[in-house]
Protein backbone atom coordinates (compact mmCIF):
# COMPACT_ATOMS: atom_id res chain seq x y z
CA MET A 1 11.09 -21.36 3.93
CA SER A 2 9.50 -20.41 0.69
CA THR A 3 7.93 -23.72 0.19
CA ASP A 4 6.51 -23.60 3.86
CA LEU A 5 4.73 -20.20 3.01
CA LEU A 6 3.39 -21.31 -0.36
CA SER A 7 1.92 -24.06 1.31
CA LYS A 8 0.25 -22.23 3.98
CA LEU A 9 -1.14 -19.77 1.64
CA ASP A 10 -2.22 -22.45 -0.51
CA ILE A 11 -0.85 -20.78 -3.65
CA ARG A 12 1.80 -21.95 -6.32
CA TYR A 13 4.20 -19.28 -6.82
CA PRO A 14 5.72 -16.81 -4.65
CA ILE A 15 4.28 -13.95 -5.90
CA ILE A 16 1.83 -11.45 -3.97
CA GLN A 17 0.05 -8.70 -5.82
CA ALA A 18 0.34 -5.83 -3.56
CA PRO A 19 -2.85 -4.21 -1.94
CA MET A 20 -3.21 -0.79 -3.31
CA ALA A 21 -6.48 1.54 -2.29
CA ASN A 22 -8.42 2.84 -5.20
CA ILE A 23 -6.09 0.55 -7.67
CA SER A 24 -6.40 -3.49 -6.46
CA SER A 25 -9.86 -4.15 -7.87
CA ALA A 26 -11.93 -7.26 -7.10
CA ALA A 27 -11.16 -8.17 -10.85
CA LEU A 28 -7.27 -7.79 -10.06
CA ALA A 29 -7.26 -9.73 -7.18
CA ALA A 30 -9.09 -12.48 -8.42
CA ALA A 31 -7.31 -12.77 -11.85
CA VAL A 32 -4.01 -13.06 -9.85
CA SER A 33 -5.10 -15.77 -7.41
CA GLU A 34 -6.61 -17.73 -10.24
CA ALA A 35 -3.20 -17.55 -11.57
CA GLY A 36 -1.58 -19.28 -8.82
CA ALA A 37 -0.15 -16.04 -7.20
CA LEU A 38 -1.93 -14.17 -4.23
CA GLY A 39 -4.12 -11.61 -5.18
CA SER A 40 -4.90 -8.50 -2.65
CA ILE A 41 -7.61 -5.68 -2.20
CA ALA A 42 -6.94 -2.59 0.29
CA VAL A 43 -10.05 -2.12 2.56
CA GLY A 44 -8.23 0.54 4.93
CA ALA A 45 -9.96 3.51 3.22
CA MET A 46 -13.51 1.61 3.40
CA THR A 47 -16.35 1.55 6.23
CA PRO A 48 -16.74 -1.93 7.54
CA ASP A 49 -19.76 -2.51 5.30
CA ALA A 50 -17.69 -1.58 2.01
CA ALA A 51 -14.82 -3.61 3.08
CA ARG A 52 -17.61 -6.90 3.48
CA ALA A 53 -18.92 -6.03 0.12
CA ALA A 54 -15.41 -5.88 -1.67
CA ILE A 55 -14.53 -9.10 0.30
CA ARG A 56 -17.54 -10.88 -1.19
CA ALA A 57 -16.99 -9.32 -4.20
CA VAL A 58 -13.45 -10.90 -4.60
CA ARG A 59 -15.29 -14.40 -3.48
CA GLU A 60 -17.82 -14.13 -6.34
CA LYS A 61 -14.81 -14.44 -8.95
CA THR A 62 -12.67 -16.73 -7.32
CA GLY A 63 -12.40 -19.42 -4.45
CA ARG A 64 -8.74 -18.97 -4.28
CA PRO A 65 -7.33 -17.62 -1.23
CA PHE A 66 -6.81 -13.75 -1.37
CA GLN A 67 -5.27 -10.76 0.79
CA VAL A 68 -7.06 -8.21 2.57
CA ASN A 69 -5.26 -5.27 3.90
CA VAL A 70 -5.98 -2.71 6.81
CA PHE A 71 -4.36 0.38 7.88
CA THR A 72 -3.32 0.39 11.69
CA HIS A 73 -1.85 3.93 12.26
CA VAL A 74 -2.14 5.65 15.44
CA PRO A 75 -5.27 7.50 15.21
CA ALA A 76 -4.94 11.02 13.78
CA GLN A 77 -4.62 14.18 16.73
CA ALA A 78 -7.03 16.97 15.28
CA ASP A 79 -5.30 20.54 15.43
CA ALA A 80 -7.27 23.57 14.30
CA ALA A 81 -4.82 25.92 14.17
CA ARG A 82 -2.23 23.62 12.27
CA GLU A 83 -5.21 22.43 9.83
CA ALA A 84 -6.05 26.30 9.32
CA ALA A 85 -2.13 27.16 8.54
CA TRP A 86 -2.04 24.18 5.88
CA LEU A 87 -5.65 25.29 4.06
CA ASP A 88 -4.08 28.91 4.03
CA TRP A 89 -0.82 27.47 2.60
CA LEU A 90 -3.11 25.57 -0.33
CA ARG A 91 -5.34 28.81 -0.67
CA PRO A 92 -3.56 29.90 -3.81
CA HIS A 93 -3.62 26.32 -5.27
CA PHE A 94 -7.58 26.06 -4.99
CA GLU A 95 -7.52 29.79 -6.32
CA ARG A 96 -5.92 28.89 -9.81
CA PHE A 97 -9.47 26.82 -10.50
CA GLY A 98 -11.88 29.65 -8.92
CA ALA A 99 -12.41 27.24 -5.76
CA ARG A 100 -12.09 28.16 -2.04
CA PRO A 101 -10.24 25.80 0.28
CA PRO A 102 -12.60 24.03 2.50
CA ALA A 103 -13.62 25.60 5.84
CA GLY A 104 -12.06 22.43 7.95
CA LEU A 105 -10.78 19.09 7.29
CA THR A 106 -11.66 15.75 8.72
CA GLU A 107 -9.94 12.21 9.40
CA ILE A 108 -11.37 11.02 6.14
CA TYR A 109 -11.17 7.24 7.32
CA GLY A 110 -10.44 5.49 10.74
CA THR A 111 -7.90 2.79 11.54
CA PHE A 112 -8.01 -0.49 12.55
CA VAL A 113 -6.44 0.09 15.79
CA THR A 114 -9.57 1.46 16.98
CA ASP A 115 -12.10 -0.02 14.65
CA ASP A 116 -13.99 -2.83 16.35
CA ALA A 117 -16.50 -2.81 13.58
CA MET A 118 -14.00 -3.52 10.97
CA CYS A 119 -12.34 -6.23 13.08
CA GLU A 120 -15.66 -7.96 13.52
CA VAL A 121 -16.11 -8.00 9.38
CA MET A 122 -12.89 -9.65 9.40
CA LEU A 123 -13.71 -12.23 11.94
CA ALA A 124 -17.10 -12.90 10.04
CA GLU A 125 -15.48 -12.86 6.69
CA ARG A 126 -12.25 -14.64 7.66
CA PRO A 127 -10.13 -13.50 4.43
CA ALA A 128 -7.07 -16.25 3.90
CA VAL A 129 -4.84 -13.18 4.46
CA LEU A 130 -5.16 -10.09 6.77
CA SER A 131 -2.44 -7.69 6.63
CA PHE A 132 -1.56 -4.54 8.79
CA HIS A 133 0.47 -1.40 7.23
CA PHE A 134 1.63 1.33 9.74
CA GLY A 135 2.12 -0.76 12.86
CA LEU A 136 -0.01 -3.43 14.64
CA PRO A 137 -3.67 -3.52 16.08
CA PRO A 138 -4.01 -4.38 19.87
CA GLN A 139 -2.72 -7.88 20.94
CA GLU A 140 -6.64 -8.79 21.56
CA LYS A 141 -7.65 -8.38 17.99
CA ILE A 142 -4.29 -10.16 16.73
CA ASP A 143 -5.12 -13.10 19.28
CA ALA A 144 -8.79 -13.17 17.93
CA LEU A 145 -7.98 -13.03 14.10
CA LYS A 146 -5.35 -15.91 14.40
CA ALA A 147 -8.00 -17.77 16.33
CA ALA A 148 -10.13 -17.22 13.72
CA GLY A 149 -7.85 -19.07 11.45
CA ILE A 150 -6.52 -15.83 9.69
CA THR A 151 -2.85 -15.79 8.37
CA LEU A 152 -1.52 -12.49 9.26
CA PHE A 153 1.08 -10.38 7.43
CA ALA A 154 2.67 -7.12 8.71
CA THR A 155 5.10 -4.69 7.04
CA ALA A 156 8.43 -3.87 8.63
CA THR A 157 10.58 -1.35 7.65
CA SER A 158 13.20 -1.81 9.94
CA LEU A 159 14.93 -4.63 12.26
CA ASP A 160 13.08 -3.32 15.41
CA GLU A 161 9.64 -3.22 13.37
CA ALA A 162 10.41 -6.92 12.62
CA ARG A 163 11.08 -8.24 16.22
CA ARG A 164 7.77 -6.36 17.29
CA ILE A 165 6.30 -8.06 14.64
CA GLU A 166 7.41 -11.54 15.58
CA ALA A 167 6.82 -11.12 19.21
CA ALA A 168 3.11 -10.08 18.53
CA GLY A 169 2.33 -13.47 16.95
CA ILE A 170 2.02 -12.45 13.12
CA ASP A 171 2.62 -14.99 10.50
CA ALA A 172 5.26 -13.38 7.97
CA ILE A 173 6.70 -10.15 7.43
CA VAL A 174 6.39 -7.78 4.41
CA ALA A 175 10.08 -6.44 4.09
CA GLN A 176 9.25 -2.83 2.53
CA GLY A 177 12.42 -1.53 0.74
CA ILE A 178 12.51 2.37 0.43
CA GLU A 179 11.57 1.58 -3.33
CA ALA A 180 8.11 0.75 -2.86
CA GLY A 181 5.37 3.03 -4.20
CA GLY A 182 2.49 4.32 -1.88
CA HIS A 183 2.93 4.63 1.79
CA ARG A 184 5.98 3.75 3.74
CA GLY A 185 4.80 1.34 6.55
CA VAL A 186 6.84 2.73 9.37
CA PHE A 187 5.33 2.41 12.54
CA ASP A 188 6.26 5.71 14.02
CA PRO A 189 6.27 8.75 11.42
CA GLN A 190 7.98 11.17 13.72
CA ALA A 191 10.96 8.40 14.13
CA PRO A 192 14.30 8.49 11.80
CA ASP A 193 13.64 6.18 8.86
CA ALA A 194 16.84 4.31 7.78
CA ALA A 195 15.48 4.16 4.28
CA LEU A 196 16.88 0.50 3.88
CA SER A 197 16.58 -0.59 0.43
CA THR A 198 14.88 -3.73 -0.25
CA VAL A 199 17.56 -6.11 -0.54
CA GLU A 200 19.43 -4.05 1.96
CA LEU A 201 16.55 -4.74 4.61
CA LEU A 202 16.36 -8.33 3.63
CA GLN A 203 20.09 -8.56 4.90
CA GLN A 204 18.87 -7.10 7.97
CA LEU A 205 16.37 -8.95 8.79
CA HIS A 206 17.56 -12.69 7.42
CA GLY A 207 18.67 -14.38 10.25
CA LYS A 208 17.66 -12.07 12.76
CA THR A 209 13.79 -13.61 12.72
CA SER A 210 12.35 -16.76 12.31
CA LEU A 211 9.37 -15.52 10.29
CA PRO A 212 9.11 -15.79 6.42
CA LEU A 213 9.84 -12.70 4.91
CA ILE A 214 7.67 -11.08 1.88
CA ALA A 215 10.18 -8.47 -0.36
CA ALA A 216 8.23 -5.24 -1.41
CA GLY A 217 9.81 -2.58 -3.10
CA GLY A 218 11.18 -2.38 -6.58
CA ILE A 219 10.42 -5.58 -7.99
CA MET A 220 9.03 -5.61 -11.64
CA ASP A 221 10.40 -8.78 -13.39
CA GLY A 222 11.61 -12.21 -13.01
CA ALA A 223 15.13 -11.76 -12.20
CA GLN A 224 14.07 -9.38 -9.51
CA ILE A 225 12.28 -12.07 -7.95
CA ARG A 226 15.22 -14.01 -8.34
CA THR A 227 17.29 -11.38 -6.46
CA ALA A 228 14.83 -11.22 -3.48
CA LEU A 229 14.74 -15.00 -3.09
CA HIS A 230 18.56 -15.11 -2.86
CA TYR A 231 18.63 -12.43 -0.26
CA GLY A 232 16.22 -14.46 2.12
CA ALA A 233 12.72 -13.63 1.15
CA SER A 234 10.06 -16.35 0.91
CA ALA A 235 8.29 -14.53 -1.71
CA VAL A 236 7.71 -11.18 -3.28
CA GLN A 237 5.09 -8.72 -2.81
CA MET A 238 4.47 -6.57 -5.88
CA GLY A 239 2.36 -3.33 -6.51
CA SER A 240 3.67 -0.94 -9.63
CA ALA A 241 4.19 -4.11 -11.87
CA PHE A 242 0.39 -4.73 -11.75
CA ILE A 243 -1.08 -1.07 -11.86
CA ALA A 244 -0.79 -1.12 -15.62
CA CYS A 245 -3.16 -4.68 -15.78
CA PRO A 246 -6.50 -3.71 -17.57
CA GLU A 247 -8.06 -5.46 -14.16
CA SER A 248 -6.87 -2.79 -12.11
CA SER A 249 -8.81 0.42 -10.93
CA ALA A 250 -6.15 2.57 -11.92
CA SER A 251 -7.06 6.15 -13.69
CA PRO A 252 -6.38 6.76 -17.19
CA HIS A 253 -4.07 9.46 -16.21
CA HIS A 254 -2.17 7.08 -14.07
CA ARG A 255 -1.99 4.80 -16.87
CA SER A 256 -0.69 7.27 -19.22
CA LEU A 257 1.75 8.08 -16.85
CA ILE A 258 2.82 4.89 -16.59
CA ALA A 259 2.97 4.17 -20.30
CA GLY A 260 5.17 7.34 -20.89
CA GLY A 261 7.21 6.84 -17.36
CA ALA A 262 10.72 6.85 -18.77
CA GLN A 263 11.08 10.35 -18.54
CA LEU A 264 9.40 10.95 -14.94
CA GLU A 265 10.65 10.64 -11.52
CA THR A 266 9.16 9.32 -8.03
CA GLU A 267 9.73 11.06 -4.55
CA LEU A 268 8.71 10.43 -1.13
CA THR A 269 6.67 12.88 0.39
CA PRO A 270 4.28 13.46 3.33
CA VAL A 271 2.65 16.78 2.36
CA ILE A 272 -0.42 14.59 0.41
CA SER A 273 -1.49 12.48 3.24
CA GLY A 274 0.66 13.20 6.24
CA ARG A 275 2.53 10.27 5.93
CA ALA A 276 5.82 9.71 3.71
CA ALA A 277 4.33 8.05 0.48
CA ARG A 278 6.18 7.38 -2.90
CA GLY A 279 4.58 8.46 -6.14
CA ILE A 280 5.18 10.28 -9.59
CA VAL A 281 6.24 13.74 -8.99
CA ASN A 282 3.70 16.64 -10.02
CA ARG A 283 2.79 19.83 -8.73
CA GLN A 284 1.33 18.12 -5.12
CA PHE A 285 5.19 17.57 -4.74
CA ARG A 286 7.10 20.25 -6.31
CA ASP A 287 4.54 23.12 -5.23
CA VAL A 288 2.61 21.93 -2.29
CA GLY A 289 5.95 20.54 -0.88
CA ALA A 290 7.72 23.39 -1.57
CA PRO A 291 10.58 24.57 0.83
CA GLY A 292 8.72 26.93 3.69
CA HIS A 293 5.56 24.65 4.04
CA PRO A 294 4.02 25.04 7.40
CA PRO A 295 3.58 21.58 9.28
CA VAL A 296 1.72 19.19 7.71
CA PRO A 297 -1.58 18.00 9.36
CA ASP A 298 -1.49 14.29 10.65
CA TYR A 299 -2.78 11.24 8.29
CA PRO A 300 -5.27 11.17 7.05
CA ILE A 301 -6.51 14.75 7.75
CA ALA A 302 -3.96 15.73 5.26
CA TYR A 303 -5.22 13.33 2.81
CA ASP A 304 -8.72 15.34 2.86
CA ALA A 305 -7.19 18.40 1.51
CA ALA A 306 -5.24 16.66 -0.95
CA LYS A 307 -7.98 14.96 -2.15
CA GLN A 308 -10.27 18.48 -2.55
CA LEU A 309 -7.63 19.99 -4.17
CA HIS A 310 -7.33 17.29 -6.70
CA ALA A 311 -11.28 17.56 -7.23
CA ALA A 312 -11.19 20.98 -7.89
CA ALA A 313 -8.41 20.92 -10.53
CA SER A 314 -9.62 17.87 -12.13
CA ALA A 315 -13.21 19.90 -12.41
CA LYS A 316 -11.38 21.92 -14.72
CA GLY A 317 -9.73 19.10 -16.77
CA ASN A 318 -6.31 19.49 -14.92
CA GLN A 319 -4.55 16.47 -13.61
CA GLU A 320 -1.47 18.29 -12.17
CA TYR A 321 -2.87 17.50 -8.52
CA SER A 322 -3.77 14.09 -8.77
CA VAL A 323 -2.06 11.35 -6.66
CA ASN A 324 -0.45 8.56 -8.60
CA TRP A 325 1.49 6.30 -6.47
CA GLY A 326 4.28 4.28 -7.70
CA GLY A 327 7.42 2.67 -6.97
CA THR A 328 10.94 3.66 -8.29
CA ASN A 329 10.83 1.03 -11.05
CA PHE A 330 7.31 2.04 -12.04
CA ALA A 331 7.97 2.82 -15.34
CA GLN A 332 8.82 -1.20 -16.15
CA ALA A 333 5.13 -1.95 -15.49
CA ARG A 334 3.43 -4.08 -18.49
CA ALA A 335 0.16 -3.30 -19.98
CA MET A 336 -1.30 -6.92 -20.14
CA PRO A 337 -3.91 -9.26 -18.16
CA ALA A 338 -2.98 -10.14 -14.83
CA ALA A 339 -2.65 -13.75 -15.25
CA GLU A 340 -0.53 -13.26 -18.45
CA LEU A 341 1.62 -11.11 -16.22
CA VAL A 342 1.81 -13.72 -13.65
CA ALA A 343 2.68 -16.30 -16.01
CA ALA A 344 5.53 -14.17 -17.35
CA LEU A 345 7.09 -13.35 -14.15
CA VAL A 346 7.05 -17.40 -13.08
CA ALA A 347 8.68 -17.78 -16.52
CA GLU A 348 11.50 -14.89 -15.99
CA MET A 349 12.01 -16.29 -12.52
CA GLN A 350 12.58 -19.84 -13.66
CA ALA A 351 14.70 -18.94 -16.68
């Protein structure tokens, strides 16, 4: 199965650099793809025009295949009362920096589920791989993308989600364990989450689906790649491992946290964006997410508030409200050029 997937993707190694919004630059994706793995960019937070430009920026740097990722969440439901209560909860944090909360919040970006213009961009640009996170788009979009020759991935955190992905005609499943940094790819954020580890999820899915499995969550070195392959993965998708690469768009603060990360922790929280996501713990987690907080607005409306609070703090030189996504093993990230990291991972995997 691993050989089949590598052949389908036209890559040499079973390593995929995860698409990470505001981290996965064109330079990073191109360097990974040039090294024989699969580079990726994330365009879910972009406009269709910006997504087109991002795809073309990668193509200017490599002729190799790469992955493009979009968000497929259920459209947000605005709730003025809930959003007002949330902004009132955040008021003391804004006031620390001499700022006021915004008068209201907006859905700062849309979803591929309803964004027909974004779908048209993908049909026109035809990236080698298009991946879905948070669920699946309408079947007619899936069928059109497949007819255009695009390989499709979708994230699953459970057997039920994996079966829905297979039934929709997707080509491969990104099996996301609870260790993964960034947003959980659950289809329904209100449903119970079994919170399976990457290995537990692989064990649950292996033999229950005919689709190739791409393991994601907590994988930082070649030995962990071997473990994932042993448990039925055809490839791995690694995000935190690539954040410290010089080609990534990670902020200096994010890089400093990784460099000194042995003493830091990650947690999952919904209070930053409105959906559960794992990042490096700071005041966004501890104080904004303190017990007794009111209901969090829908994703990504809540993210509007978090970004504005970070901007207010950052303007005063404070990074305590920054958002630094990372998996449980983020501190193992190596600050080396992406091509060198791919080579190191391959050597470790083959040792």
